[in-house]
Structures are given as C-alpha cells and as structure tokens.
Amino acid sequence: MRVGFSDEDADIQLMIASARDHAEKYCNITLAEQTVEMKCDCWADLARMPVAPLMSVASIAYVDTEGAPQTVDAAVYELRLDGLEPSIVLAYGKRWPVVRTGSRITVTAVAGYEDAPAAVKHAILLYIADAYETRENSQEDDWSAFDALLSNYRRG
C-alpha cells in the first residue's frame, strides 16, 4: 500500500487502530504491552487467567476476614506464563490466604507482547491494506489469510 500524500492520514490511523482492535478481539489476546487489572472471586479462578499473554504479575491483592486490604507474598504462588494460557498456581507447601466473603481478588499484571509475532503483524497489515483498498462493505471470504495467520494465536 503506497500513499504519497497526507490527506488520508486520519483514515489510515483509524484503519490501524481498527485492525489491531479486531485482531485482539478475534484472538482474545492483548497485543501491545500494558498494565491490566483483573478481578476474580476465588483463588481457583487464577488457574486460567482471562488475559494473555502475561509478561509478569505486579501484585495480587485481597481483603482479609477482618476487612483489611492485603497483598499476597510472591513466595506463596508460582507464575506459569506459558504462551496463551497463563496461570497462577499455589507454590508447593503454601496456602492461599482466607478471603473475606463477598470480596474480590485483584491481580495487577503486565500483559501483551514486547514485540508482537510476525504472523500477527502480517495479518494486521493485510487487514489495513484490504480496508484501504475496499472502502465500502464487502463480503468476507470463509477463510482468509487474516484467519490463517492468526489461527495459532487464538484463545478459546
């Protein structure tokens, strides 16, 4: 896609943002590195984190039975940052603290890729080029290059 003038810069920026957003939602992943806050109801919910990929966990906060905010010591848990299925599991010989009934557990983490995979970048470029060339509604193919390039990065 070659554009030799700046008249369409705003449209192209919109296409870039739209392509990234579409790829993230299509794959159910976070592409750009960002700090996220996830809430859950019980420790078992940490077995499959709702956001992927995760790079690190900054803190796990909860409210104890006395109503005081607490932070879980990092020695209590292990991070399993395995690709698209990250989890936080209890470390051997440790116990999760007791959480006040009705309160939520909050995980603050860094999600996304430091550098997105080449196939994901390629899919986004194809999406942008198609959006630039086809500015009106068009019928999508049943299986496109976009789908094929992102198929290994989708979370179910």
N, C-alpha and C. Protein backbone atom coordinates (compact mmCIF):
# COMPACT_ATOMS: atom_id res chain seq x y z
N MET A 1 0.86 -1.17 0.00
CA MET A 1 0.00 0.00 0.00
C MET A 1 0.90 1.23 0.00
N ARG A 2 0.83 1.99 -1.04
CA ARG A 2 1.64 3.20 -1.14
C ARG A 2 0.70 4.41 -1.12
N VAL A 3 1.01 5.32 -0.22
CA VAL A 3 0.24 6.55 -0.10
C VAL A 3 1.24 7.69 -0.14
N GLY A 4 1.14 8.53 -1.16
CA GLY A 4 2.13 9.58 -1.35
C GLY A 4 1.69 10.94 -0.85
N PHE A 5 0.58 11.02 -0.15
CA PHE A 5 0.10 12.31 0.33
C PHE A 5 -0.55 12.11 1.69
N SER A 6 -0.72 13.20 2.42
CA SER A 6 -1.18 13.10 3.81
C SER A 6 -2.68 13.32 3.98
N ASP A 7 -3.42 13.47 2.90
CA ASP A 7 -4.86 13.72 3.00
C ASP A 7 -5.60 12.59 3.73
N GLU A 8 -5.07 11.40 3.64
CA GLU A 8 -5.77 10.25 4.22
C GLU A 8 -5.14 9.75 5.52
N ASP A 9 -4.26 10.52 6.11
CA ASP A 9 -3.58 10.09 7.34
C ASP A 9 -4.56 9.72 8.45
N ALA A 10 -5.58 10.53 8.63
CA ALA A 10 -6.56 10.25 9.70
C ALA A 10 -7.28 8.94 9.43
N ASP A 11 -7.66 8.71 8.17
CA ASP A 11 -8.33 7.45 7.82
C ASP A 11 -7.40 6.25 8.04
N ILE A 12 -6.15 6.39 7.67
CA ILE A 12 -5.19 5.29 7.83
C ILE A 12 -4.95 5.01 9.31
N GLN A 13 -4.85 6.05 10.13
CA GLN A 13 -4.69 5.85 11.58
C GLN A 13 -5.90 5.11 12.15
N LEU A 14 -7.08 5.45 11.68
CA LEU A 14 -8.30 4.76 12.11
C LEU A 14 -8.26 3.30 11.69
N MET A 15 -7.80 3.03 10.47
CA MET A 15 -7.68 1.65 9.99
C MET A 15 -6.68 0.85 10.83
N ILE A 16 -5.57 1.47 11.21
CA ILE A 16 -4.56 0.79 12.04
C ILE A 16 -5.16 0.43 13.39
N ALA A 17 -5.83 1.39 14.03
CA ALA A 17 -6.44 1.13 15.34
C ALA A 17 -7.52 0.05 15.23
N SER A 18 -8.30 0.13 14.17
CA SER A 18 -9.37 -0.86 13.96
C SER A 18 -8.79 -2.25 13.72
N ALA A 19 -7.72 -2.34 12.94
CA ALA A 19 -7.10 -3.64 12.66
C ALA A 19 -6.53 -4.27 13.92
N ARG A 20 -5.86 -3.48 14.74
CA ARG A 20 -5.31 -4.01 15.99
C ARG A 20 -6.43 -4.47 16.92
N ASP A 21 -7.46 -3.64 17.05
CA ASP A 21 -8.60 -3.99 17.90
C ASP A 21 -9.27 -5.27 17.41
N HIS A 22 -9.45 -5.38 16.10
CA HIS A 22 -10.08 -6.58 15.54
C HIS A 22 -9.22 -7.82 15.80
N ALA A 23 -7.92 -7.71 15.61
CA ALA A 23 -7.02 -8.86 15.85
C ALA A 23 -7.05 -9.27 17.32
N GLU A 24 -7.05 -8.29 18.23
CA GLU A 24 -7.10 -8.62 19.66
C GLU A 24 -8.39 -9.33 20.03
N LYS A 25 -9.50 -8.84 19.53
CA LYS A 25 -10.79 -9.46 19.85
C LYS A 25 -10.94 -10.82 19.16
N TYR A 26 -10.48 -10.92 17.94
CA TYR A 26 -10.54 -12.18 17.19
C TYR A 26 -9.75 -13.28 17.91
N CYS A 27 -8.59 -12.92 18.43
CA CYS A 27 -7.72 -13.89 19.10
C CYS A 27 -7.94 -13.97 20.61
N ASN A 28 -8.65 -13.00 21.18
CA ASN A 28 -8.85 -12.91 22.62
C ASN A 28 -7.51 -12.78 23.35
N ILE A 29 -6.64 -11.91 22.80
CA ILE A 29 -5.33 -11.66 23.40
C ILE A 29 -5.08 -10.15 23.45
N THR A 30 -4.05 -9.76 24.19
CA THR A 30 -3.60 -8.38 24.25
C THR A 30 -2.31 -8.29 23.44
N LEU A 31 -2.26 -7.41 22.47
CA LEU A 31 -1.07 -7.31 21.62
C LEU A 31 -0.02 -6.36 22.19
N ALA A 32 -0.41 -5.14 22.50
CA ALA A 32 0.55 -4.15 22.99
C ALA A 32 0.76 -4.32 24.49
N GLU A 33 1.99 -4.14 24.91
CA GLU A 33 2.33 -4.25 26.33
C GLU A 33 1.56 -3.20 27.12
N GLN A 34 0.84 -3.65 28.17
CA GLN A 34 0.06 -2.74 29.00
C GLN A 34 -0.18 -3.34 30.38
N THR A 35 -0.40 -2.48 31.36
CA THR A 35 -0.72 -2.94 32.70
C THR A 35 -2.23 -3.15 32.77
N VAL A 36 -2.63 -4.32 33.25
CA VAL A 36 -4.04 -4.67 33.35
C VAL A 36 -4.38 -5.04 34.79
N GLU A 37 -5.64 -4.88 35.13
CA GLU A 37 -6.13 -5.27 36.44
C GLU A 37 -7.27 -6.25 36.22
N MET A 38 -7.12 -7.45 36.77
CA MET A 38 -8.12 -8.49 36.62
C MET A 38 -8.71 -8.81 37.98
N LYS A 39 -10.01 -9.03 38.02
CA LYS A 39 -10.68 -9.35 39.28
C LYS A 39 -11.30 -10.74 39.18
N CYS A 40 -11.25 -11.46 40.30
CA CYS A 40 -11.86 -12.78 40.34
C CYS A 40 -12.46 -13.02 41.72
N ASP A 41 -13.25 -14.07 41.83
CA ASP A 41 -13.98 -14.34 43.06
C ASP A 41 -13.29 -15.32 44.00
N CYS A 42 -12.45 -16.19 43.45
CA CYS A 42 -11.79 -17.18 44.31
C CYS A 42 -10.42 -17.53 43.72
N TRP A 43 -9.58 -18.16 44.54
CA TRP A 43 -8.21 -18.50 44.12
C TRP A 43 -8.20 -19.45 42.93
N ALA A 44 -9.18 -20.32 42.83
CA ALA A 44 -9.22 -21.28 41.72
C ALA A 44 -9.34 -20.58 40.37
N ASP A 45 -9.90 -19.37 40.36
CA ASP A 45 -10.04 -18.62 39.11
C ASP A 45 -8.69 -18.25 38.50
N LEU A 46 -7.62 -18.29 39.31
CA LEU A 46 -6.30 -17.93 38.80
C LEU A 46 -5.68 -19.05 37.95
N ALA A 47 -6.33 -20.21 37.93
CA ALA A 47 -5.81 -21.34 37.15
C ALA A 47 -5.83 -21.06 35.65
N ARG A 48 -6.68 -20.15 35.21
CA ARG A 48 -6.71 -19.72 33.80
C ARG A 48 -6.99 -18.23 33.79
N MET A 49 -5.96 -17.48 33.54
CA MET A 49 -6.09 -16.03 33.56
C MET A 49 -6.92 -15.56 32.36
N PRO A 50 -7.75 -14.53 32.55
CA PRO A 50 -8.61 -14.06 31.47
C PRO A 50 -7.88 -13.24 30.40
N VAL A 51 -6.64 -12.87 30.68
CA VAL A 51 -5.87 -12.05 29.74
C VAL A 51 -4.59 -12.80 29.38
N ALA A 52 -4.22 -12.75 28.11
CA ALA A 52 -2.98 -13.39 27.66
C ALA A 52 -2.43 -12.59 26.49
N PRO A 53 -1.15 -12.70 26.25
CA PRO A 53 -0.14 -13.32 27.10
C PRO A 53 0.18 -12.41 28.28
N LEU A 54 0.66 -13.00 29.36
CA LEU A 54 1.11 -12.23 30.52
C LEU A 54 2.63 -12.21 30.53
N MET A 55 3.19 -11.07 30.87
CA MET A 55 4.65 -10.94 30.97
C MET A 55 5.10 -11.06 32.42
N SER A 56 4.30 -10.49 33.34
CA SER A 56 4.65 -10.52 34.76
C SER A 56 3.42 -10.17 35.59
N VAL A 57 3.50 -10.46 36.88
CA VAL A 57 2.45 -10.08 37.82
C VAL A 57 3.06 -9.12 38.83
N ALA A 58 2.47 -7.95 38.96
CA ALA A 58 2.97 -6.94 39.90
C ALA A 58 2.47 -7.21 41.31
N SER A 59 1.19 -7.58 41.43
CA SER A 59 0.64 -7.84 42.76
C SER A 59 -0.66 -8.63 42.68
N ILE A 60 -0.96 -9.30 43.79
CA ILE A 60 -2.25 -9.96 43.97
C ILE A 60 -2.79 -9.44 45.30
N ALA A 61 -3.89 -8.70 45.23
CA ALA A 61 -4.47 -8.08 46.41
C ALA A 61 -5.81 -8.72 46.75
N TYR A 62 -6.14 -8.69 48.02
CA TYR A 62 -7.41 -9.25 48.50
C TYR A 62 -7.79 -8.54 49.80
N VAL A 63 -8.99 -8.82 50.29
CA VAL A 63 -9.45 -8.30 51.57
C VAL A 63 -9.53 -9.47 52.53
N ASP A 64 -8.86 -9.35 53.68
CA ASP A 64 -8.85 -10.46 54.64
C ASP A 64 -10.16 -10.51 55.43
N THR A 65 -10.30 -11.50 56.29
CA THR A 65 -11.56 -11.70 57.03
C THR A 65 -11.88 -10.56 57.98
N GLU A 66 -10.90 -9.76 58.33
CA GLU A 66 -11.11 -8.59 59.21
C GLU A 66 -11.49 -7.34 58.41
N GLY A 67 -11.47 -7.46 57.07
CA GLY A 67 -11.81 -6.32 56.22
C GLY A 67 -10.63 -5.45 55.83
N ALA A 68 -9.42 -5.91 56.13
CA ALA A 68 -8.23 -5.13 55.81
C ALA A 68 -7.65 -5.54 54.45
N PRO A 69 -7.27 -4.57 53.61
CA PRO A 69 -6.65 -4.91 52.33
C PRO A 69 -5.27 -5.55 52.57
N GLN A 70 -4.99 -6.60 51.81
CA GLN A 70 -3.72 -7.33 51.94
C GLN A 70 -3.16 -7.61 50.55
N THR A 71 -1.87 -7.90 50.51
CA THR A 71 -1.20 -8.32 49.28
C THR A 71 -0.56 -9.67 49.52
N VAL A 72 -0.73 -10.58 48.58
CA VAL A 72 -0.16 -11.93 48.70
C VAL A 72 1.34 -11.86 48.46
N ASP A 73 2.11 -12.47 49.34
CA ASP A 73 3.56 -12.55 49.17
C ASP A 73 3.87 -13.39 47.93
N ALA A 74 4.80 -12.95 47.12
CA ALA A 74 5.14 -13.65 45.87
C ALA A 74 5.64 -15.07 46.12
N ALA A 75 6.10 -15.38 47.32
CA ALA A 75 6.57 -16.74 47.63
C ALA A 75 5.42 -17.73 47.76
N VAL A 76 4.19 -17.23 47.86
CA VAL A 76 3.01 -18.10 48.02
C VAL A 76 2.58 -18.71 46.70
N TYR A 77 2.90 -18.09 45.59
CA TYR A 77 2.40 -18.56 44.30
C TYR A 77 3.53 -18.67 43.27
N GLU A 78 3.21 -19.41 42.21
CA GLU A 78 4.12 -19.54 41.06
C GLU A 78 3.40 -19.04 39.82
N LEU A 79 4.14 -18.34 38.99
CA LEU A 79 3.60 -17.88 37.72
C LEU A 79 3.90 -18.91 36.65
N ARG A 80 2.91 -19.23 35.89
CA ARG A 80 3.11 -20.09 34.72
C ARG A 80 2.68 -19.27 33.51
N LEU A 81 3.64 -18.63 32.93
CA LEU A 81 3.37 -17.71 31.83
C LEU A 81 3.54 -18.42 30.49
N ASP A 82 2.89 -19.56 30.37
CA ASP A 82 3.01 -20.42 29.20
C ASP A 82 2.17 -19.90 28.04
N GLY A 83 2.76 -19.09 27.22
CA GLY A 83 2.11 -18.65 25.99
C GLY A 83 0.74 -18.05 26.19
N LEU A 84 -0.25 -18.67 25.58
CA LEU A 84 -1.60 -18.12 25.57
C LEU A 84 -2.47 -18.64 26.71
N GLU A 85 -1.94 -19.47 27.58
CA GLU A 85 -2.71 -19.99 28.71
C GLU A 85 -1.98 -19.75 30.03
N PRO A 86 -1.75 -18.50 30.40
CA PRO A 86 -1.05 -18.23 31.66
C PRO A 86 -1.90 -18.58 32.87
N SER A 87 -1.23 -18.92 33.96
CA SER A 87 -1.94 -19.23 35.20
C SER A 87 -1.08 -18.85 36.39
N ILE A 88 -1.74 -18.74 37.52
CA ILE A 88 -1.06 -18.51 38.79
C ILE A 88 -1.47 -19.67 39.68
N VAL A 89 -0.49 -20.43 40.15
CA VAL A 89 -0.77 -21.61 40.97
C VAL A 89 -0.11 -21.47 42.33
N LEU A 90 -0.64 -22.20 43.27
CA LEU A 90 -0.11 -22.20 44.62
C LEU A 90 1.25 -22.87 44.65
N ALA A 91 2.22 -22.26 45.31
CA ALA A 91 3.55 -22.85 45.45
C ALA A 91 3.47 -24.05 46.38
N TYR A 92 4.38 -24.99 46.18
CA TYR A 92 4.40 -26.21 46.98
C TYR A 92 4.52 -25.87 48.46
N GLY A 93 3.66 -26.49 49.27
CA GLY A 93 3.70 -26.32 50.71
C GLY A 93 3.10 -25.01 51.22
N LYS A 94 2.47 -24.24 50.35
CA LYS A 94 1.88 -22.96 50.75
C LYS A 94 0.36 -23.06 50.76
N ARG A 95 -0.29 -22.08 51.37
CA ARG A 95 -1.75 -21.99 51.41
C ARG A 95 -2.17 -20.59 50.95
N TRP A 96 -3.27 -20.58 50.23
CA TRP A 96 -3.84 -19.29 49.88
C TRP A 96 -4.43 -18.68 51.14
N PRO A 97 -4.35 -17.37 51.32
CA PRO A 97 -4.98 -16.74 52.48
C PRO A 97 -6.51 -16.80 52.37
N VAL A 98 -7.16 -16.68 53.52
CA VAL A 98 -8.62 -16.68 53.54
C VAL A 98 -9.10 -15.28 53.15
N VAL A 99 -10.05 -15.26 52.21
CA VAL A 99 -10.58 -14.01 51.67
C VAL A 99 -11.93 -13.73 52.31
N ARG A 100 -12.18 -12.48 52.60
CA ARG A 100 -13.48 -12.08 53.17
C ARG A 100 -14.59 -12.45 52.19
N THR A 101 -15.65 -13.03 52.70
CA THR A 101 -16.79 -13.43 51.88
C THR A 101 -17.35 -12.22 51.13
N GLY A 102 -17.56 -12.40 49.84
CA GLY A 102 -18.12 -11.34 49.01
C GLY A 102 -17.11 -10.37 48.44
N SER A 103 -15.85 -10.47 48.85
CA SER A 103 -14.84 -9.56 48.30
C SER A 103 -14.19 -10.19 47.07
N ARG A 104 -13.44 -9.41 46.36
CA ARG A 104 -12.81 -9.89 45.13
C ARG A 104 -11.30 -9.88 45.27
N ILE A 105 -10.68 -10.75 44.51
CA ILE A 105 -9.22 -10.82 44.43
C ILE A 105 -8.82 -10.00 43.21
N THR A 106 -7.80 -9.16 43.34
CA THR A 106 -7.36 -8.30 42.24
C THR A 106 -5.92 -8.63 41.86
N VAL A 107 -5.73 -8.99 40.60
CA VAL A 107 -4.39 -9.27 40.08
C VAL A 107 -4.00 -8.10 39.17
N THR A 108 -2.87 -7.49 39.47
CA THR A 108 -2.33 -6.43 38.62
C THR A 108 -1.13 -7.03 37.89
N ALA A 109 -1.17 -6.98 36.55
CA ALA A 109 -0.14 -7.65 35.76
C ALA A 109 0.20 -6.84 34.52
N VAL A 110 1.31 -7.21 33.91
CA VAL A 110 1.70 -6.64 32.62
C VAL A 110 1.37 -7.69 31.57
N ALA A 111 0.52 -7.30 30.62
CA ALA A 111 0.08 -8.21 29.56
C ALA A 111 0.54 -7.69 28.21
N GLY A 112 0.48 -8.58 27.22
CA GLY A 112 0.83 -8.21 25.86
C GLY A 112 2.19 -8.74 25.45
N TYR A 113 2.58 -8.36 24.27
CA TYR A 113 3.87 -8.77 23.72
C TYR A 113 4.84 -7.59 23.76
N GLU A 114 6.08 -7.87 24.08
CA GLU A 114 7.12 -6.85 23.95
C GLU A 114 7.27 -6.53 22.46
N ASP A 115 7.23 -7.58 21.64
CA ASP A 115 7.27 -7.45 20.19
C ASP A 115 6.31 -8.50 19.63
N ALA A 116 5.23 -8.06 19.04
CA ALA A 116 4.21 -8.99 18.54
C ALA A 116 4.80 -9.95 17.51
N PRO A 117 4.29 -11.20 17.47
CA PRO A 117 4.78 -12.17 16.50
C PRO A 117 4.61 -11.69 15.05
N ALA A 118 5.51 -12.11 14.20
CA ALA A 118 5.49 -11.68 12.79
C ALA A 118 4.17 -12.01 12.11
N ALA A 119 3.59 -13.17 12.39
CA ALA A 119 2.33 -13.55 11.75
C ALA A 119 1.20 -12.60 12.15
N VAL A 120 1.20 -12.15 13.38
CA VAL A 120 0.18 -11.21 13.85
C VAL A 120 0.36 -9.86 13.15
N LYS A 121 1.59 -9.39 13.06
CA LYS A 121 1.86 -8.13 12.35
C LYS A 121 1.43 -8.23 10.89
N HIS A 122 1.74 -9.36 10.27
CA HIS A 122 1.38 -9.58 8.86
C HIS A 122 -0.14 -9.54 8.69
N ALA A 123 -0.86 -10.21 9.58
CA ALA A 123 -2.33 -10.23 9.50
C ALA A 123 -2.89 -8.81 9.62
N ILE A 124 -2.34 -8.03 10.53
CA ILE A 124 -2.81 -6.65 10.71
C ILE A 124 -2.53 -5.82 9.46
N LEU A 125 -1.35 -6.00 8.87
CA LEU A 125 -1.04 -5.27 7.63
C LEU A 125 -1.99 -5.65 6.50
N LEU A 126 -2.32 -6.94 6.39
CA LEU A 126 -3.28 -7.38 5.37
C LEU A 126 -4.65 -6.74 5.60
N TYR A 127 -5.07 -6.69 6.85
CA TYR A 127 -6.36 -6.10 7.21
C TYR A 127 -6.39 -4.62 6.83
N ILE A 128 -5.30 -3.91 7.14
CA ILE A 128 -5.22 -2.48 6.82
C ILE A 128 -5.24 -2.26 5.31
N ALA A 129 -4.45 -3.04 4.58
CA ALA A 129 -4.41 -2.91 3.12
C ALA A 129 -5.77 -3.18 2.50
N ASP A 130 -6.46 -4.20 3.00
CA ASP A 130 -7.79 -4.52 2.50
C ASP A 130 -8.77 -3.39 2.81
N ALA A 131 -8.70 -2.85 4.02
CA ALA A 131 -9.59 -1.75 4.40
C ALA A 131 -9.33 -0.51 3.53
N TYR A 132 -8.07 -0.28 3.20
CA TYR A 132 -7.72 0.87 2.37
C TYR A 132 -8.22 0.70 0.94
N GLU A 133 -8.07 -0.50 0.40
CA GLU A 133 -8.47 -0.77 -0.98
C GLU A 133 -9.98 -0.91 -1.14
N THR A 134 -10.65 -1.44 -0.12
CA THR A 134 -12.09 -1.70 -0.19
C THR A 134 -12.77 -0.83 0.85
N ARG A 135 -13.20 0.33 0.45
CA ARG A 135 -13.74 1.28 1.42
C ARG A 135 -15.24 1.15 1.62
N GLU A 136 -15.86 0.24 0.94
CA GLU A 136 -17.29 0.01 1.15
C GLU A 136 -17.47 -1.40 1.70
N ASN A 137 -18.68 -1.71 2.09
CA ASN A 137 -18.95 -3.05 2.61
C ASN A 137 -18.61 -4.09 1.55
N SER A 138 -18.03 -5.18 2.02
CA SER A 138 -17.73 -6.27 1.10
C SER A 138 -17.93 -7.59 1.83
N GLN A 139 -18.19 -8.62 1.05
CA GLN A 139 -18.38 -9.94 1.64
C GLN A 139 -17.01 -10.53 1.97
N GLU A 140 -16.91 -11.08 3.19
CA GLU A 140 -15.65 -11.71 3.59
C GLU A 140 -15.60 -13.14 3.10
N ASP A 141 -14.39 -13.58 2.78
CA ASP A 141 -14.21 -14.98 2.42
C ASP A 141 -14.45 -15.84 3.65
N ASP A 142 -14.77 -17.12 3.42
CA ASP A 142 -14.99 -18.03 4.54
C ASP A 142 -13.72 -18.18 5.37
N TRP A 143 -12.58 -18.27 4.73
CA TRP A 143 -11.30 -18.44 5.42
C TRP A 143 -10.29 -17.58 4.69
N SER A 144 -9.78 -16.58 5.36
CA SER A 144 -8.88 -15.63 4.71
C SER A 144 -7.45 -15.80 5.21
N ALA A 145 -6.54 -15.07 4.58
CA ALA A 145 -5.15 -15.07 5.04
C ALA A 145 -5.08 -14.51 6.46
N PHE A 146 -5.95 -13.55 6.77
CA PHE A 146 -6.03 -12.99 8.13
C PHE A 146 -6.31 -14.11 9.14
N ASP A 147 -7.32 -14.93 8.85
CA ASP A 147 -7.66 -16.06 9.73
C ASP A 147 -6.49 -17.02 9.87
N ALA A 148 -5.89 -17.36 8.75
CA ALA A 148 -4.80 -18.34 8.76
C ALA A 148 -3.61 -17.84 9.57
N LEU A 149 -3.25 -16.58 9.40
CA LEU A 149 -2.10 -16.03 10.12
C LEU A 149 -2.34 -15.95 11.63
N LEU A 150 -3.58 -15.74 12.03
CA LEU A 150 -3.88 -15.59 13.46
C LEU A 150 -4.33 -16.88 14.13
N SER A 151 -4.51 -17.94 13.37
CA SER A 151 -5.07 -19.17 13.94
C SER A 151 -4.26 -19.74 15.11
N ASN A 152 -2.96 -19.58 15.12
CA ASN A 152 -2.13 -20.11 16.21
C ASN A 152 -2.09 -19.18 17.42
N TYR A 153 -2.74 -18.05 17.34
CA TYR A 153 -2.72 -17.08 18.44
C TYR A 153 -4.10 -16.88 19.07
N ARG A 154 -5.08 -17.70 18.69
CA ARG A 154 -6.44 -17.58 19.23
C ARG A 154 -6.58 -18.34 20.54
N ARG A 155 -7.29 -17.74 21.48
CA ARG A 155 -7.62 -18.38 22.76
C ARG A 155 -9.10 -18.72 22.73
N GLY A 156 -9.42 -19.89 23.21
CA GLY A 156 -10.83 -20.30 23.24
C GLY A 156 -11.50 -20.03 24.53
